[in-house]
């Protein structure tokens, strides 16, 4: 996990260099790397909760991340 965060920070530092400042490709890589870090953190949290058999905390995390929202919308659409 630290290596991913370090990679993201490294990209930002390169993007700030005069030769690359404002480069759209690097900007997109920075945004993508931040999203990858966030996704991995989420999966790590879910994995940890799942392995601890802590269903209540797992359900709370799913709700926060919107996993149930899609299912609820699908269920409502089926009912109509």
Protein backbone atom coordinates (compact mmCIF):
# COMPACT_ATOMS: atom_id res chain seq x y z
CA UNK A 1 0.00 0.00 0.00
CA UNK A 2 2.80 2.40 0.84
CA UNK A 3 4.38 1.82 -2.56
CA UNK A 4 1.15 2.88 -4.28
CA UNK A 5 0.90 6.05 -2.21
CA UNK A 6 4.56 6.79 -2.88
CA UNK A 7 4.01 6.27 -6.62
CA UNK A 8 1.09 8.71 -6.57
CA UNK A 9 3.17 11.31 -4.71
CA UNK A 10 6.07 10.79 -7.13
CA UNK A 11 3.79 11.48 -10.10
CA UNK A 12 2.60 14.69 -8.46
CA UNK A 13 6.19 15.80 -7.86
CA UNK A 14 7.09 15.17 -11.51
CA UNK A 15 3.98 17.03 -12.63
CA UNK A 16 5.17 20.08 -10.67
CA UNK A 17 8.53 20.17 -12.46
CA UNK A 18 8.82 23.02 -14.94
CA UNK A 19 9.31 20.67 -17.89
CA UNK A 20 6.06 18.78 -17.15
CA UNK A 21 3.92 21.37 -15.35
CA UNK A 22 0.35 21.16 -16.59
CA UNK A 23 0.96 18.10 -18.77
CA UNK A 24 -2.47 16.53 -19.34
CA UNK A 25 -1.15 12.98 -19.50
CA UNK A 26 0.59 13.27 -16.15
CA UNK A 27 -2.47 14.96 -14.69
CA UNK A 28 -4.60 12.00 -15.78
CA UNK A 29 -2.05 9.54 -14.37
CA UNK A 30 -2.17 11.38 -11.04
CA UNK A 31 -5.97 11.20 -10.91
CA UNK A 32 -5.90 7.54 -11.90
CA UNK A 33 -3.24 6.63 -9.33
CA UNK A 34 -5.22 8.36 -6.57
CA UNK A 35 -8.33 6.39 -7.54
CA UNK A 36 -6.36 3.13 -7.55
CA UNK A 37 -5.04 3.90 -4.05
CA UNK A 38 -8.58 4.66 -2.85
CA UNK A 39 -9.96 1.44 -4.41
CA UNK A 40 -7.21 -0.72 -2.90
CA UNK A 41 -7.79 0.85 0.52
CA UNK A 42 -11.50 0.07 0.21
CA UNK A 43 -10.87 -3.56 -0.76
CA UNK A 44 -8.34 -3.88 2.04
CA UNK A 45 -10.91 -2.60 4.53
CA UNK A 46 -13.58 -4.94 3.19
CA UNK A 47 -11.20 -7.90 3.28
CA UNK A 48 -10.22 -7.09 6.86
CA UNK A 49 -13.83 -6.77 7.96
CA UNK A 50 -14.83 -9.93 6.12
CA UNK A 51 -12.05 -11.94 7.71
CA UNK A 52 -12.98 -10.67 11.17
CA UNK A 53 -16.57 -11.89 10.70
CA UNK A 54 -17.83 -8.43 11.51
CA UNK A 55 -20.97 -8.35 9.39
CA UNK A 56 -22.39 -5.15 10.89
CA UNK A 57 -19.27 -3.12 10.08
CA UNK A 58 -19.10 -4.67 6.61
CA UNK A 59 -22.70 -3.70 5.88
CA UNK A 60 -22.02 -0.15 7.11
CA UNK A 61 -19.02 0.12 4.77
CA UNK A 62 -21.07 -1.20 1.85
CA UNK A 63 -23.75 1.40 2.53
CA UNK A 64 -21.17 4.21 2.75
CA UNK A 65 -19.67 3.21 -0.58
CA UNK A 66 -23.07 2.92 -2.25
CA UNK A 67 -23.03 -0.81 -2.91
CA UNK A 68 -26.59 -1.25 -1.67
CA UNK A 69 -27.91 1.81 -3.48
CA UNK A 70 -27.71 0.09 -6.88
CA UNK A 71 -29.42 -3.04 -5.57
CA UNK A 72 -32.16 -0.94 -3.96
CA UNK A 73 -32.77 0.86 -7.26
CA UNK A 74 -32.92 -2.44 -9.14
CA UNK A 75 -35.35 -3.88 -6.56
CA UNK A 76 -37.57 -0.79 -6.83
CA UNK A 77 -37.56 -1.01 -10.63
CA UNK A 78 -38.58 -4.68 -10.49
CA UNK A 79 -41.43 -3.88 -8.10
CA UNK A 80 -42.84 -1.22 -10.46
